[in-house]
């Protein structure tokens, strides 16, 4: 079981680092948008490239932030029944949900966006606006990349759910907050 834990940690580390990088993208987006507003209202000027850079950063933060949101449990969850379930019940819901629903969505995103992105790369698509940013093909490449990073984050969560499901119930004593198998795997790794 330590290999599951190591795999989950490696994938979670990737999502975590990506999420922290995207936080800086958000700050850059705020500063650029402030600059666009200041240019327009104070100097009666504007820049298409600055406006599009805000859109590029927003697209990157949203698409690549999906995996981080899943890892940190910041995604929307309808938990009418889920919140009342025990640890094993939640682990079953998570495992099935990640395996069937999340992986299906990620596969659909990857397959359906592939030709769209390839077409954009084949012509090295630029902005349709005069003075806009080149590299629209890079922006469109975030769609399959988001599917891949989300699938990897889902794989890490699936591994965690498997660890919980393989856990044997402990006798009723002072139980640790972590399941025994997960705790043993972390201790063996340390």
Protein backbone atom coordinates (compact mmCIF):
# COMPACT_ATOMS: atom_id res chain seq x y z
CA UNK A 1 0.00 0.00 0.00
CA UNK A 2 2.89 2.46 0.35
CA UNK A 3 3.06 2.69 -3.45
CA UNK A 4 -0.52 3.99 -3.55
CA UNK A 5 0.32 6.60 -0.96
CA UNK A 6 3.52 7.64 -2.77
CA UNK A 7 1.61 7.89 -6.04
CA UNK A 8 -1.16 9.95 -4.46
CA UNK A 9 1.35 12.27 -2.81
CA UNK A 10 3.27 12.80 -6.06
CA UNK A 11 0.10 13.68 -7.96
CA UNK A 12 -1.14 15.91 -5.14
CA UNK A 13 2.23 17.69 -5.06
CA UNK A 14 1.88 18.50 -8.76
CA UNK A 15 -1.64 19.88 -8.21
CA UNK A 16 -0.51 21.85 -5.18
CA UNK A 17 2.42 23.48 -6.97
CA UNK A 18 0.20 24.32 -9.93
CA UNK A 19 -2.38 25.87 -7.60
CA UNK A 20 0.19 28.06 -5.88
CA UNK A 21 1.55 29.23 -9.25
CA UNK A 22 -1.97 30.07 -10.38
CA UNK A 23 -2.44 32.27 -7.33
CA UNK A 24 0.25 34.52 -8.79
CA UNK A 25 -1.59 34.48 -12.13
CA UNK A 26 -4.60 35.86 -10.31
CA UNK A 27 -2.57 38.71 -8.83
CA UNK A 28 -1.15 39.49 -12.28
CA UNK A 29 -4.68 39.45 -13.68
CA UNK A 30 -5.87 41.96 -11.07
CA UNK A 31 -2.92 44.27 -11.73
CA UNK A 32 -3.34 44.10 -15.51
CA UNK A 33 -7.08 44.74 -15.31
CA UNK A 34 -6.41 47.71 -13.06
CA UNK A 35 -3.96 48.97 -15.65
CA UNK A 36 -6.54 48.58 -18.42
CA UNK A 37 -9.11 50.53 -16.41
CA UNK A 38 -6.57 53.25 -15.52
CA UNK A 39 -5.50 53.60 -19.16
CA UNK A 40 -9.09 53.91 -20.32
CA UNK A 41 -10.39 56.33 -17.69
CA UNK A 42 -7.33 58.40 -16.85
CA UNK A 43 -5.57 58.57 -20.20
CA UNK A 44 -8.46 57.89 -22.60
CA UNK A 45 -6.39 55.11 -24.14
CA UNK A 46 -6.52 51.37 -24.31
CA UNK A 47 -4.60 48.27 -25.19
CA UNK A 48 -6.11 45.21 -26.83
CA UNK A 49 -3.01 43.19 -25.88
CA UNK A 50 -3.44 44.07 -22.19
CA UNK A 51 -7.13 43.18 -22.29
CA UNK A 52 -6.39 39.86 -23.96
CA UNK A 53 -3.62 39.09 -21.48
CA UNK A 54 -6.23 39.29 -18.71
CA UNK A 55 -8.34 36.79 -20.64
CA UNK A 56 -5.32 34.48 -21.13
CA UNK A 57 -4.48 34.59 -17.43
CA UNK A 58 -8.10 34.00 -16.47
CA UNK A 59 -8.29 31.02 -18.81
CA UNK A 60 -5.09 29.57 -17.37
CA UNK A 61 -6.21 30.12 -13.77
CA UNK A 62 -9.61 28.54 -14.41
CA UNK A 63 -8.57 25.57 -16.54
CA UNK A 64 -5.43 24.62 -14.64
CA UNK A 65 -7.04 25.41 -11.28
CA UNK A 66 -9.57 22.60 -11.69
CA UNK A 67 -7.11 20.00 -10.39
CA UNK A 68 -6.17 22.16 -7.41
CA UNK A 69 -9.84 22.72 -6.57
CA UNK A 70 -10.43 18.96 -6.63
CA UNK A 71 -7.42 18.28 -4.44
CA UNK A 72 -8.37 20.87 -1.84
CA UNK A 73 -12.05 19.82 -1.91
CA UNK A 74 -13.02 23.32 -3.05
CA UNK A 75 -15.27 22.03 -5.82
CA UNK A 76 -19.05 21.99 -5.68
CA UNK A 77 -20.38 18.85 -4.05
CA UNK A 78 -24.05 18.03 -3.61
CA UNK A 79 -23.81 16.32 -0.26
CA UNK A 80 -27.38 15.72 0.78
CA UNK A 81 -26.61 12.07 1.52
CA UNK A 82 -22.81 12.21 1.49
CA UNK A 83 -22.45 14.27 4.66
CA UNK A 84 -24.40 11.67 6.66
CA UNK A 85 -22.28 8.75 5.49
CA UNK A 86 -19.48 7.16 7.45
CA UNK A 87 -15.86 7.05 6.34
CA UNK A 88 -16.28 3.86 4.28
CA UNK A 89 -19.45 5.11 2.61
CA UNK A 90 -17.76 8.34 1.63
CA UNK A 91 -14.77 6.38 0.34
CA UNK A 92 -17.09 4.26 -1.84
CA UNK A 93 -18.86 7.32 -3.23
CA UNK A 94 -15.51 9.01 -3.92
CA UNK A 95 -13.95 5.95 -5.55
CA UNK A 96 -16.92 5.30 -7.82
CA UNK A 97 -17.38 8.99 -8.56
CA UNK A 98 -13.75 9.53 -9.52
CA UNK A 99 -13.51 6.35 -11.53
CA UNK A 100 -16.79 6.57 -13.43
CA UNK A 101 -17.80 10.21 -13.58
CA UNK A 102 -14.62 12.27 -13.32
CA UNK A 103 -12.55 10.03 -15.57
CA UNK A 104 -15.39 10.01 -18.14
CA UNK A 105 -15.60 13.80 -18.13
CA UNK A 106 -11.82 14.12 -18.48
CA UNK A 107 -11.76 11.63 -21.34
CA UNK A 108 -14.59 13.46 -23.07
CA UNK A 109 -12.81 16.81 -22.63
CA UNK A 110 -9.59 15.40 -24.02
CA UNK A 111 -11.13 13.66 -27.03
CA UNK A 112 -13.55 16.44 -27.95
CA UNK A 113 -10.95 19.20 -27.71
CA UNK A 114 -8.13 17.38 -29.46
CA UNK A 115 -9.03 18.27 -33.08
CA UNK A 116 -10.00 21.80 -32.05
CA UNK A 117 -6.54 22.34 -30.57
CA UNK A 118 -4.73 20.63 -33.44
CA UNK A 119 -6.50 22.87 -35.95
CA UNK A 120 -5.43 25.91 -33.96
CA UNK A 121 -1.82 24.67 -33.80
CA UNK A 122 -1.75 23.86 -37.52
CA UNK A 123 -2.23 27.54 -38.40
CA UNK A 124 -0.54 28.92 -35.25
CA UNK A 125 -3.72 30.86 -34.57
CA UNK A 126 -3.35 34.46 -33.49
CA UNK A 127 -5.80 36.96 -32.09
CA UNK A 128 -8.63 38.05 -34.37
CA UNK A 129 -8.22 41.60 -33.07
CA UNK A 130 -5.68 44.06 -34.46
CA UNK A 131 -3.05 44.61 -31.81
CA UNK A 132 -4.06 41.46 -29.96
CA UNK A 133 -1.78 38.80 -28.54
CA UNK A 134 -0.39 36.05 -30.69
CA UNK A 135 -0.63 32.51 -29.42
CA UNK A 136 -4.35 31.77 -29.25
CA UNK A 137 -3.29 28.20 -30.01
CA UNK A 138 -1.51 28.14 -26.63
CA UNK A 139 -4.66 29.31 -24.87
CA UNK A 140 -6.72 26.60 -26.58
CA UNK A 141 -4.12 24.03 -25.51
CA UNK A 142 -5.22 24.59 -21.92
CA UNK A 143 -8.39 22.57 -22.57
CA UNK A 144 -6.73 19.15 -23.03
CA UNK A 145 -4.08 20.08 -20.46
CA UNK A 146 -6.85 20.80 -17.94
CA UNK A 147 -8.39 17.40 -18.70
CA UNK A 148 -5.06 15.69 -18.08
CA UNK A 149 -4.28 17.53 -14.83
CA UNK A 150 -7.84 16.99 -13.56
CA UNK A 151 -7.59 13.27 -14.36
CA UNK A 152 -4.28 13.08 -12.48
CA UNK A 153 -5.78 14.85 -9.46
CA UNK A 154 -8.74 12.47 -9.65
CA UNK A 155 -6.33 9.52 -9.75
CA UNK A 156 -4.71 10.77 -6.54
CA UNK A 157 -8.09 11.09 -4.86
CA UNK A 158 -9.07 7.64 -6.14
CA UNK A 159 -5.90 6.18 -4.59
CA UNK A 160 -6.76 7.82 -1.27
CA UNK A 161 -10.29 6.39 -1.43
CA UNK A 162 -8.87 2.93 -2.19
CA UNK A 163 -6.62 3.18 0.85
CA UNK A 164 -9.63 4.00 2.99
CA UNK A 165 -11.61 1.10 1.52
CA UNK A 166 -8.79 -1.37 2.16
CA UNK A 167 -8.65 -0.26 5.76
CA UNK A 168 -10.00 -2.82 8.19
CA UNK A 169 -12.20 -1.40 10.92
CA UNK A 170 -10.25 -0.90 14.12
CA UNK A 171 -11.65 -1.98 17.48
CA UNK A 172 -13.46 0.74 19.37
CA UNK A 173 -10.61 2.41 21.21
CA UNK A 174 -9.08 5.82 21.00
CA UNK A 175 -9.08 5.89 17.22
CA UNK A 176 -6.79 8.13 15.29
CA UNK A 177 -8.26 10.65 12.91
CA UNK A 178 -6.49 8.89 10.03
CA UNK A 179 -7.38 5.37 8.99
CA UNK A 180 -4.90 2.79 10.26
CA UNK A 181 -3.73 1.63 6.81
CA UNK A 182 -3.08 5.19 5.68
CA UNK A 183 -1.21 5.90 8.93
CA UNK A 184 0.90 2.73 8.52
CA UNK A 185 1.76 3.60 4.93
CA UNK A 186 2.88 7.08 5.95
CA UNK A 187 4.97 5.67 8.81
CA UNK A 188 6.61 3.12 6.51
CA UNK A 189 7.47 5.87 4.06
CA UNK A 190 9.03 8.11 6.75
